N, C-alpha and C. Protein backbone atom coordinates (compact mmCIF):
# COMPACT_ATOMS: atom_id res chain seq x y z
N MET A 1 23.97 7.32 -8.13
CA MET A 1 22.70 7.26 -8.02
C MET A 1 21.84 6.00 -8.42
N ALA A 2 21.34 6.04 -6.87
CA ALA A 2 20.50 4.42 -7.11
C ALA A 2 19.06 4.48 -7.52
N LYS A 3 18.61 3.48 -9.40
CA LYS A 3 17.74 3.53 -10.02
C LYS A 3 16.73 4.00 -9.86
N TYR A 4 16.13 3.89 -8.96
CA TYR A 4 14.56 4.36 -8.48
C TYR A 4 14.63 6.06 -7.44
N VAL A 5 15.74 6.21 -7.39
CA VAL A 5 15.78 7.67 -6.78
C VAL A 5 15.26 8.96 -7.71
N PRO A 6 15.51 8.70 -8.91
CA PRO A 6 15.09 9.82 -9.78
C PRO A 6 13.29 10.06 -9.43
N HIS A 7 12.73 8.94 -9.45
CA HIS A 7 11.01 8.18 -9.92
C HIS A 7 10.82 8.82 -8.38
N GLU A 8 12.11 8.10 -7.61
CA GLU A 8 10.82 9.42 -5.75
C GLU A 8 11.01 10.60 -5.52
N ILE A 9 12.07 11.15 -6.00
CA ILE A 9 12.64 12.78 -5.81
C ILE A 9 11.09 13.48 -6.85
N ARG A 10 10.73 12.34 -7.92
CA ARG A 10 9.96 13.35 -8.97
C ARG A 10 8.24 12.99 -8.01
N ALA A 11 8.42 11.93 -6.99
CA ALA A 11 7.33 11.44 -6.59
C ALA A 11 6.54 12.46 -5.61
N ILE A 12 7.31 12.61 -4.10
CA ILE A 12 7.69 13.20 -3.13
C ILE A 12 8.19 14.66 -3.14
N ARG A 13 8.80 14.35 -4.76
CA ARG A 13 9.04 16.00 -4.68
C ARG A 13 9.89 17.17 -3.31
N ALA A 14 11.15 16.22 -3.54
CA ALA A 14 12.00 16.53 -2.23
C ALA A 14 13.09 15.99 -2.75
N ASP A 15 14.25 15.88 -2.17
CA ASP A 15 15.61 15.49 -2.36
C ASP A 15 16.02 14.87 -1.56
N PRO A 16 16.88 13.62 -1.33
CA PRO A 16 17.00 12.18 -0.79
C PRO A 16 18.55 13.35 0.73
N THR A 17 18.39 12.69 2.12
CA THR A 17 19.21 12.74 2.42
C THR A 17 20.13 11.94 2.58
N ILE A 18 21.45 12.38 2.12
CA ILE A 18 22.19 10.86 2.82
C ILE A 18 23.08 10.84 3.61
N VAL A 19 22.80 10.31 4.74
CA VAL A 19 23.41 9.98 5.74
C VAL A 19 24.09 9.16 6.34
N ALA A 20 25.53 8.72 6.73
CA ALA A 20 26.72 7.81 6.67
C ALA A 20 25.90 6.69 8.13
N ASP A 21 24.70 6.81 9.03
CA ASP A 21 24.72 6.17 10.10
C ASP A 21 23.19 6.13 10.92
N PHE A 22 22.18 4.98 10.12
CA PHE A 22 20.94 5.00 10.65
C PHE A 22 20.28 4.47 12.39
N ALA A 23 21.74 4.88 12.85
CA ALA A 23 21.54 4.30 14.08
C ALA A 23 20.27 5.62 15.14
N PRO A 24 20.64 6.76 14.55
CA PRO A 24 20.00 7.77 15.31
C PRO A 24 18.63 7.88 15.04
N TYR A 25 18.17 7.38 13.99
CA TYR A 25 17.17 7.80 13.11
C TYR A 25 15.73 6.61 13.21
N LEU A 26 16.27 5.03 13.42
CA LEU A 26 15.95 4.09 13.40
C LEU A 26 14.81 3.85 15.09
N SER A 27 15.15 4.47 16.01
CA SER A 27 13.76 4.07 16.93
C SER A 27 13.09 5.56 16.60
N GLY A 28 12.90 6.64 16.41
CA GLY A 28 11.74 7.04 15.24
C GLY A 28 11.03 6.35 13.94
N ALA A 29 11.99 5.85 13.68
CA ALA A 29 11.28 5.15 11.93
C ALA A 29 10.15 4.65 11.69
N CYS A 30 8.83 4.86 11.30
CA CYS A 30 7.99 4.62 10.73
C CYS A 30 8.36 2.87 9.79
N LYS A 31 8.60 3.43 8.45
CA LYS A 31 8.97 2.02 8.10
C LYS A 31 10.58 2.49 7.37
N ILE A 32 10.98 1.15 6.32
CA ILE A 32 12.34 0.92 5.86
C ILE A 32 11.39 0.69 5.01
N VAL A 33 12.51 0.72 3.28
CA VAL A 33 11.79 0.49 2.55
C VAL A 33 13.32 -0.01 1.84
N GLY A 34 13.42 -0.75 1.35
CA GLY A 34 15.11 -1.85 0.17
C GLY A 34 14.16 -2.05 -1.39
N SER A 35 14.59 -1.70 -2.40
CA SER A 35 14.74 -1.66 -3.37
C SER A 35 15.66 -2.12 -4.28
N SER A 36 14.34 -3.22 -5.55
CA SER A 36 15.87 -4.05 -5.95
C SER A 36 14.91 -4.21 -7.92
N ALA A 37 15.80 -3.64 -8.55
CA ALA A 37 15.05 -4.08 -10.32
C ALA A 37 14.56 -5.66 -10.13
N ASP A 38 15.27 -6.34 -9.55
CA ASP A 38 15.01 -7.66 -9.88
C ASP A 38 13.95 -8.33 -8.74
N ALA A 39 12.67 -8.08 -9.84
CA ALA A 39 11.45 -8.40 -8.80
C ALA A 39 10.99 -9.69 -8.52
N ALA A 40 11.16 -11.10 -9.05
CA ALA A 40 11.99 -12.21 -7.97
C ALA A 40 12.66 -12.51 -7.11
N LEU A 41 13.77 -11.76 -7.37
CA LEU A 41 14.59 -11.79 -6.15
C LEU A 41 13.73 -10.74 -4.76
N LEU A 42 13.29 -9.35 -5.15
CA LEU A 42 12.61 -8.58 -4.28
C LEU A 42 11.47 -9.81 -3.63
N GLN A 43 10.42 -10.71 -4.24
CA GLN A 43 9.41 -11.79 -4.04
C GLN A 43 10.19 -12.62 -2.97
N ARG A 44 11.08 -12.92 -3.58
CA ARG A 44 12.53 -13.76 -2.13
C ARG A 44 11.75 -12.86 -1.29
N CYS A 45 12.91 -11.62 -0.85
CA CYS A 45 12.98 -10.98 0.41
C CYS A 45 12.22 -10.71 1.50
N GLU A 46 11.00 -10.96 0.73
CA GLU A 46 9.44 -10.54 1.03
C GLU A 46 9.01 -11.74 1.99
N ALA A 47 9.33 -12.77 1.41
CA ALA A 47 8.60 -14.29 1.82
C ALA A 47 10.09 -14.36 3.18
N ALA A 48 11.24 -14.70 3.55
CA ALA A 48 12.32 -14.29 3.89
C ALA A 48 12.46 -13.45 5.14
N MET A 49 11.78 -12.25 4.82
CA MET A 49 12.06 -10.76 6.23
C MET A 49 10.30 -11.06 6.40
N GLN A 50 9.23 -12.16 6.14
CA GLN A 50 8.20 -12.10 6.93
C GLN A 50 8.18 -13.43 7.62
N ARG A 51 8.83 -13.89 6.84
CA ARG A 51 10.03 -15.90 8.15
C ARG A 51 10.75 -14.83 9.39
N ALA A 52 11.19 -14.34 9.21
CA ALA A 52 12.52 -13.99 10.06
C ALA A 52 11.37 -12.40 10.95
N LEU A 53 11.09 -11.85 10.63
CA LEU A 53 10.49 -10.79 11.86
C LEU A 53 8.71 -11.15 11.96
N GLY A 54 8.26 -12.38 12.31
CA GLY A 54 6.98 -12.65 12.30
C GLY A 54 5.98 -11.39 12.47
N ALA A 55 5.38 -11.52 14.09
CA ALA A 55 4.21 -10.68 14.38
C ALA A 55 5.11 -9.49 14.79
N ASP A 56 6.69 -9.53 13.62
CA ASP A 56 7.54 -8.13 15.55
C ASP A 56 7.70 -6.82 14.16
N ALA A 57 6.54 -7.14 13.15
CA ALA A 57 6.93 -6.32 12.28
C ALA A 57 6.30 -6.75 10.81
N THR A 58 5.87 -5.30 9.87
CA THR A 58 5.20 -5.84 8.26
C THR A 58 6.17 -5.54 7.09
N ALA A 59 6.23 -7.22 6.25
CA ALA A 59 7.27 -6.88 5.70
C ALA A 59 6.10 -7.14 4.30
N VAL A 60 6.30 -6.41 3.49
CA VAL A 60 5.10 -6.48 2.03
C VAL A 60 5.45 -5.86 1.27
N ARG A 61 5.20 -6.09 -0.53
CA ARG A 61 5.94 -5.02 -0.82
C ARG A 61 5.02 -3.64 -1.59
N SER A 62 5.36 -2.91 -2.07
CA SER A 62 4.40 -1.77 -2.16
C SER A 62 4.39 -1.36 -3.49
N GLN A 63 5.50 -1.84 -4.42
CA GLN A 63 5.60 -1.96 -5.87
C GLN A 63 5.98 -3.34 -6.51
N SER A 64 6.33 -4.10 -7.22
CA SER A 64 7.80 -4.63 -7.91
C SER A 64 8.90 -4.65 -7.06
N TYR A 65 9.15 -3.25 -7.32
CA TYR A 65 10.51 -2.95 -7.17
C TYR A 65 10.54 -2.32 -5.56
N TYR A 66 10.03 -2.07 -4.69
CA TYR A 66 9.91 -1.92 -3.16
C TYR A 66 9.35 -3.07 -1.81
N LEU A 67 10.05 -3.01 -0.85
CA LEU A 67 9.49 -3.65 -0.30
C LEU A 67 9.93 -3.07 1.27
N ASP A 68 8.22 -3.17 1.79
CA ASP A 68 7.87 -2.33 2.84
C ASP A 68 8.31 -2.86 3.93
N ILE A 69 8.90 -2.39 5.25
CA ILE A 69 9.21 -2.60 6.35
C ILE A 69 8.54 -2.24 7.44
N THR A 70 6.76 -2.23 8.27
CA THR A 70 6.84 -1.23 9.49
C THR A 70 6.26 -2.05 10.48
N PRO A 71 6.72 -1.22 11.47
CA PRO A 71 6.42 -1.75 12.58
C PRO A 71 4.39 -2.18 12.72
N PRO A 72 4.56 -2.90 13.81
CA PRO A 72 2.77 -3.94 13.90
C PRO A 72 2.35 -2.16 14.35
N GLY A 73 0.77 -2.20 13.59
CA GLY A 73 0.25 -0.55 13.32
C GLY A 73 0.46 0.10 13.49
N CYS A 74 1.20 -0.05 11.64
CA CYS A 74 1.82 0.85 11.00
C CYS A 74 1.86 0.72 9.39
N ASP A 75 0.26 0.70 9.29
CA ASP A 75 0.27 0.48 8.18
C ASP A 75 -1.28 1.30 7.21
N LYS A 76 -1.13 0.67 6.17
CA LYS A 76 -2.85 1.26 5.70
C LYS A 76 -3.77 0.73 6.38
N GLY A 77 -4.01 -0.17 6.76
CA GLY A 77 -5.04 -0.29 7.58
C GLY A 77 -5.17 0.71 8.95
N THR A 78 -4.65 1.03 9.51
CA THR A 78 -4.07 1.51 10.52
C THR A 78 -4.64 3.12 9.71
N PHE A 79 -3.81 4.05 8.74
CA PHE A 79 -4.11 4.65 8.52
C PHE A 79 -5.71 5.13 8.11
N VAL A 80 -6.26 4.41 7.62
CA VAL A 80 -7.55 4.41 7.40
C VAL A 80 -8.63 4.12 8.23
N GLN A 81 -8.42 3.07 10.07
CA GLN A 81 -9.37 3.89 11.05
C GLN A 81 -8.88 5.41 11.23
N THR A 82 -7.43 5.49 11.73
CA THR A 82 -7.57 7.14 12.20
C THR A 82 -8.02 8.00 11.58
N ILE A 83 -7.89 7.97 9.91
CA ILE A 83 -8.65 9.07 9.20
C ILE A 83 -10.33 8.93 9.47
N ALA A 84 -10.81 7.32 9.70
CA ALA A 84 -12.60 7.37 9.75
C ALA A 84 -12.44 8.30 10.86
N LYS A 85 -12.08 8.03 11.96
CA LYS A 85 -11.63 8.76 13.35
C LYS A 85 -12.20 9.77 13.13
N ARG A 86 -10.92 10.38 12.73
CA ARG A 86 -10.66 12.16 13.08
C ARG A 86 -11.67 12.56 11.82
N GLN A 87 -12.48 11.73 11.14
CA GLN A 87 -13.69 12.18 9.95
C GLN A 87 -15.10 12.21 10.73
N GLY A 88 -15.55 11.47 11.97
CA GLY A 88 -16.63 10.95 12.67
C GLY A 88 -17.33 9.78 12.15
N ILE A 89 -16.57 9.09 11.49
CA ILE A 89 -17.26 8.24 10.19
C ILE A 89 -16.96 6.94 10.32
N SER A 90 -17.94 5.94 9.87
CA SER A 90 -17.23 4.69 10.23
C SER A 90 -16.20 3.57 9.01
N THR A 91 -15.60 3.27 9.74
CA THR A 91 -15.06 2.51 8.03
C THR A 91 -15.53 2.04 7.21
N ASP A 92 -17.12 1.03 8.05
CA ASP A 92 -17.89 1.25 6.72
C ASP A 92 -17.97 1.86 5.87
N ALA A 93 -17.81 3.46 5.82
CA ALA A 93 -18.59 4.07 5.08
C ALA A 93 -16.77 4.50 4.07
N VAL A 94 -16.01 4.22 4.02
CA VAL A 94 -14.27 4.20 3.62
C VAL A 94 -14.46 3.38 2.70
N ALA A 95 -13.46 3.54 1.27
CA ALA A 95 -13.66 3.13 -0.11
C ALA A 95 -12.26 3.52 -0.10
N THR A 96 -11.19 2.25 -0.51
CA THR A 96 -10.24 2.34 -0.64
C THR A 96 -9.58 1.67 -1.99
N ILE A 97 -8.85 2.19 -2.34
CA ILE A 97 -8.00 1.78 -3.74
C ILE A 97 -6.88 0.56 -3.78
N GLY A 98 -6.43 0.18 -4.07
CA GLY A 98 -4.90 -0.46 -4.58
C GLY A 98 -4.96 -1.66 -5.32
N ASP A 99 -3.48 -2.13 -5.27
CA ASP A 99 -3.19 -2.83 -6.11
C ASP A 99 -2.33 -3.71 -6.38
N MET A 100 -1.20 -3.30 -4.55
CA MET A 100 -0.25 -4.49 -3.95
C MET A 100 -0.84 -5.27 -2.73
N GLN A 101 0.48 -5.99 -1.64
CA GLN A 101 -0.15 -6.37 -0.87
C GLN A 101 -0.08 -4.97 0.13
N ASN A 102 0.36 -4.79 0.32
CA ASN A 102 0.40 -3.69 1.33
C ASN A 102 -0.78 -2.86 0.89
N ASP A 103 -1.28 -2.62 0.21
CA ASP A 103 -2.79 -2.34 0.38
C ASP A 103 -4.25 -3.33 1.16
N LEU A 104 -3.45 -4.41 1.61
CA LEU A 104 -4.42 -5.02 2.11
C LEU A 104 -5.25 -5.35 3.46
N ALA A 105 -4.20 -4.68 4.28
CA ALA A 105 -4.50 -4.45 5.63
C ALA A 105 -5.69 -2.91 5.38
N MET A 106 -5.61 -1.98 3.99
CA MET A 106 -6.66 -1.07 4.04
C MET A 106 -7.73 -1.62 3.69
N PHE A 107 -7.57 -2.27 2.49
CA PHE A 107 -8.96 -3.59 2.59
C PHE A 107 -9.68 -3.49 3.28
N LYS A 108 -8.73 -4.51 4.38
CA LYS A 108 -9.81 -5.23 5.67
C LYS A 108 -9.73 -4.39 6.35
N ASN A 109 -10.45 -2.98 6.50
CA ASN A 109 -10.40 -1.58 7.20
C ASN A 109 -11.33 -0.86 6.48
N SER A 110 -11.50 -1.65 5.30
CA SER A 110 -12.95 -0.14 4.89
C SER A 110 -14.14 -0.74 4.31
N GLY A 111 -15.08 -0.53 4.29
CA GLY A 111 -16.48 -0.72 3.86
C GLY A 111 -16.49 -1.51 2.41
N VAL A 112 -15.51 -0.94 1.51
CA VAL A 112 -15.52 -0.93 -0.05
C VAL A 112 -14.19 -1.11 -0.37
N SER A 113 -13.38 -1.81 -0.97
CA SER A 113 -12.46 -2.57 -1.40
C SER A 113 -12.72 -2.41 -2.88
N ILE A 114 -11.16 -1.95 -3.46
CA ILE A 114 -11.14 -1.81 -5.23
C ILE A 114 -9.63 -2.22 -5.42
N ALA A 115 -10.02 -3.37 -6.00
CA ALA A 115 -8.53 -3.83 -6.45
C ALA A 115 -8.28 -3.48 -7.91
N MET A 116 -7.12 -2.36 -8.19
CA MET A 116 -7.11 -2.09 -10.04
C MET A 116 -6.75 -3.54 -10.54
N GLY A 117 -7.49 -3.49 -11.83
CA GLY A 117 -6.86 -4.73 -13.48
C GLY A 117 -5.40 -4.96 -12.65
N ASN A 118 -4.41 -4.53 -12.38
CA ASN A 118 -2.82 -4.80 -12.31
C ASN A 118 -2.62 -5.50 -11.88
N ALA A 119 -4.04 -5.77 -10.62
CA ALA A 119 -3.09 -6.18 -9.32
C ALA A 119 -3.20 -7.48 -9.29
N THR A 120 -2.45 -8.07 -8.41
CA THR A 120 -2.51 -9.93 -8.63
C THR A 120 -3.45 -10.42 -8.25
N ASP A 121 -3.88 -11.59 -8.08
CA ASP A 121 -4.65 -12.48 -8.17
C ASP A 121 -5.37 -12.69 -7.03
N ASP A 122 -4.39 -12.57 -6.01
CA ASP A 122 -4.94 -12.15 -4.85
C ASP A 122 -4.87 -11.41 -3.86
N VAL A 123 -4.89 -10.27 -4.14
CA VAL A 123 -5.11 -8.87 -4.10
C VAL A 123 -6.74 -8.53 -4.94
N LYS A 124 -6.66 -8.52 -6.00
CA LYS A 124 -7.75 -9.20 -6.53
C LYS A 124 -9.18 -9.79 -5.52
N LYS A 125 -8.57 -11.22 -5.31
CA LYS A 125 -9.28 -11.94 -4.36
C LYS A 125 -9.92 -11.63 -3.23
N LEU A 126 -9.00 -10.02 -2.85
CA LEU A 126 -9.63 -10.17 -1.41
C LEU A 126 -10.29 -8.84 -1.61
N ALA A 127 -10.01 -8.38 -2.33
CA ALA A 127 -10.99 -6.66 -3.41
C ALA A 127 -13.11 -6.91 -2.82
N THR A 128 -13.85 -6.32 -2.79
CA THR A 128 -15.15 -6.57 -2.76
C THR A 128 -14.99 -6.19 -4.39
N HIS A 129 -14.75 -5.34 -4.81
CA HIS A 129 -13.98 -5.17 -6.85
C HIS A 129 -12.94 -5.21 -7.36
N VAL A 130 -13.18 -5.06 -8.45
CA VAL A 130 -12.00 -5.18 -9.26
C VAL A 130 -12.91 -4.15 -10.56
N THR A 131 -11.60 -3.37 -10.85
CA THR A 131 -11.69 -2.15 -12.00
C THR A 131 -10.88 -2.67 -12.64
N ALA A 132 -10.56 -1.28 -14.05
CA ALA A 132 -9.70 -1.98 -14.95
C ALA A 132 -8.53 -1.38 -14.82
N SER A 133 -7.04 -1.65 -15.35
CA SER A 133 -5.72 -1.79 -14.62
C SER A 133 -5.83 0.02 -14.93
N ASN A 134 -4.53 0.83 -14.42
CA ASN A 134 -4.36 2.08 -14.14
C ASN A 134 -3.89 2.45 -15.11
N GLU A 135 -3.44 1.88 -16.13
CA GLU A 135 -3.35 2.05 -17.63
C GLU A 135 -4.55 1.76 -18.25
N ASN A 136 -5.65 1.85 -18.04
CA ASN A 136 -7.37 1.63 -19.04
C ASN A 136 -8.22 2.62 -18.33
N GLU A 137 -8.09 3.60 -17.36
CA GLU A 137 -8.41 4.64 -16.72
C GLU A 137 -9.30 3.40 -15.21
N GLY A 138 -8.38 2.36 -15.03
CA GLY A 138 -8.81 2.27 -13.50
C GLY A 138 -9.15 2.80 -12.82
N PHE A 139 -8.70 3.93 -12.19
CA PHE A 139 -8.84 4.62 -11.25
C PHE A 139 -9.93 5.36 -11.33
N ALA A 140 -10.69 5.90 -12.36
CA ALA A 140 -11.40 6.10 -13.42
C ALA A 140 -12.94 5.11 -12.84
N GLY A 141 -13.02 3.81 -12.90
CA GLY A 141 -13.65 3.11 -13.01
C GLY A 141 -13.81 3.07 -11.95
N ALA A 142 -13.30 2.90 -11.16
CA ALA A 142 -13.16 3.06 -9.31
C ALA A 142 -14.16 3.63 -8.78
N ILE A 143 -14.35 4.96 -8.44
CA ILE A 143 -14.66 5.64 -8.51
C ILE A 143 -16.17 5.92 -8.75
N ASP A 144 -16.39 5.01 -10.30
CA ASP A 144 -17.82 5.13 -10.79
C ASP A 144 -18.57 3.60 -9.91
N ILE A 145 -17.43 3.26 -9.12
CA ILE A 145 -18.35 1.91 -8.96
C ILE A 145 -18.56 2.91 -7.55
N ILE A 146 -17.48 3.63 -7.09
CA ILE A 146 -18.34 3.86 -5.87
C ILE A 146 -19.75 4.84 -5.93
N LEU A 147 -19.68 5.69 -7.04
CA LEU A 147 -20.57 6.57 -7.41
C LEU A 147 -22.32 5.66 -7.27
N ARG A 148 -22.08 4.27 -8.01
CA ARG A 148 -22.90 3.73 -8.79
C ARG A 148 -23.37 3.11 -6.72
N SER A 149 -22.88 2.90 -5.96
CA SER A 149 -22.93 2.04 -4.77
C SER A 149 -23.24 3.43 -3.72
N ASN A 150 -23.53 4.44 -4.04
CA ASN A 150 -23.98 5.51 -2.90
C ASN A 150 -25.27 6.18 -3.87
N GLN A 151 -25.89 5.36 -4.79
CA GLN A 151 -27.00 6.05 -5.79
C GLN A 151 -27.79 5.29 -4.91
N PRO A 152 -28.79 6.30 -4.02
CA PRO A 152 -30.39 5.66 -3.10
C PRO A 152 -30.43 4.61 -4.24
N LEU A 153 -31.95 3.89 -3.69
CA LEU A 153 -32.42 2.73 -4.64
C LEU A 153 -33.55 3.32 -5.12
N GLY A 154 -33.78 2.82 -6.08
CA GLY A 154 -35.48 2.50 -6.43
C GLY A 154 -35.27 3.31 -7.64
């Protein structure tokens, strides 16, 4: 069993389905994920995939050990737009929290973006706010930022 399979089984609460051939699934796929315990190798793969794919797909790491490849228009930014539309609100009224490159599309499409303290510097630079790390109550800090920004002035 691959290194990250047990983690994913716990995270998504589903067992994997083993297939012999991906061809029947490719036309309906919205994300392909590669994994490696070698973070430096995966970073090089990310850059190589970005060069090879250009605008035909997006290749970004969602964790230091996952590389996500998605077709254009299928990213977290699109999700923010879709959910805002369904809720009948402006994307300016949406707050997002993230820590990896795949969260940047979400940041671009929200009114308030909060980078976790464990995020890389390039992610932090593109966020509206930065909170503590996920090991130091960063999510709670992000919620505090959101609540404070919604307080009436005066």
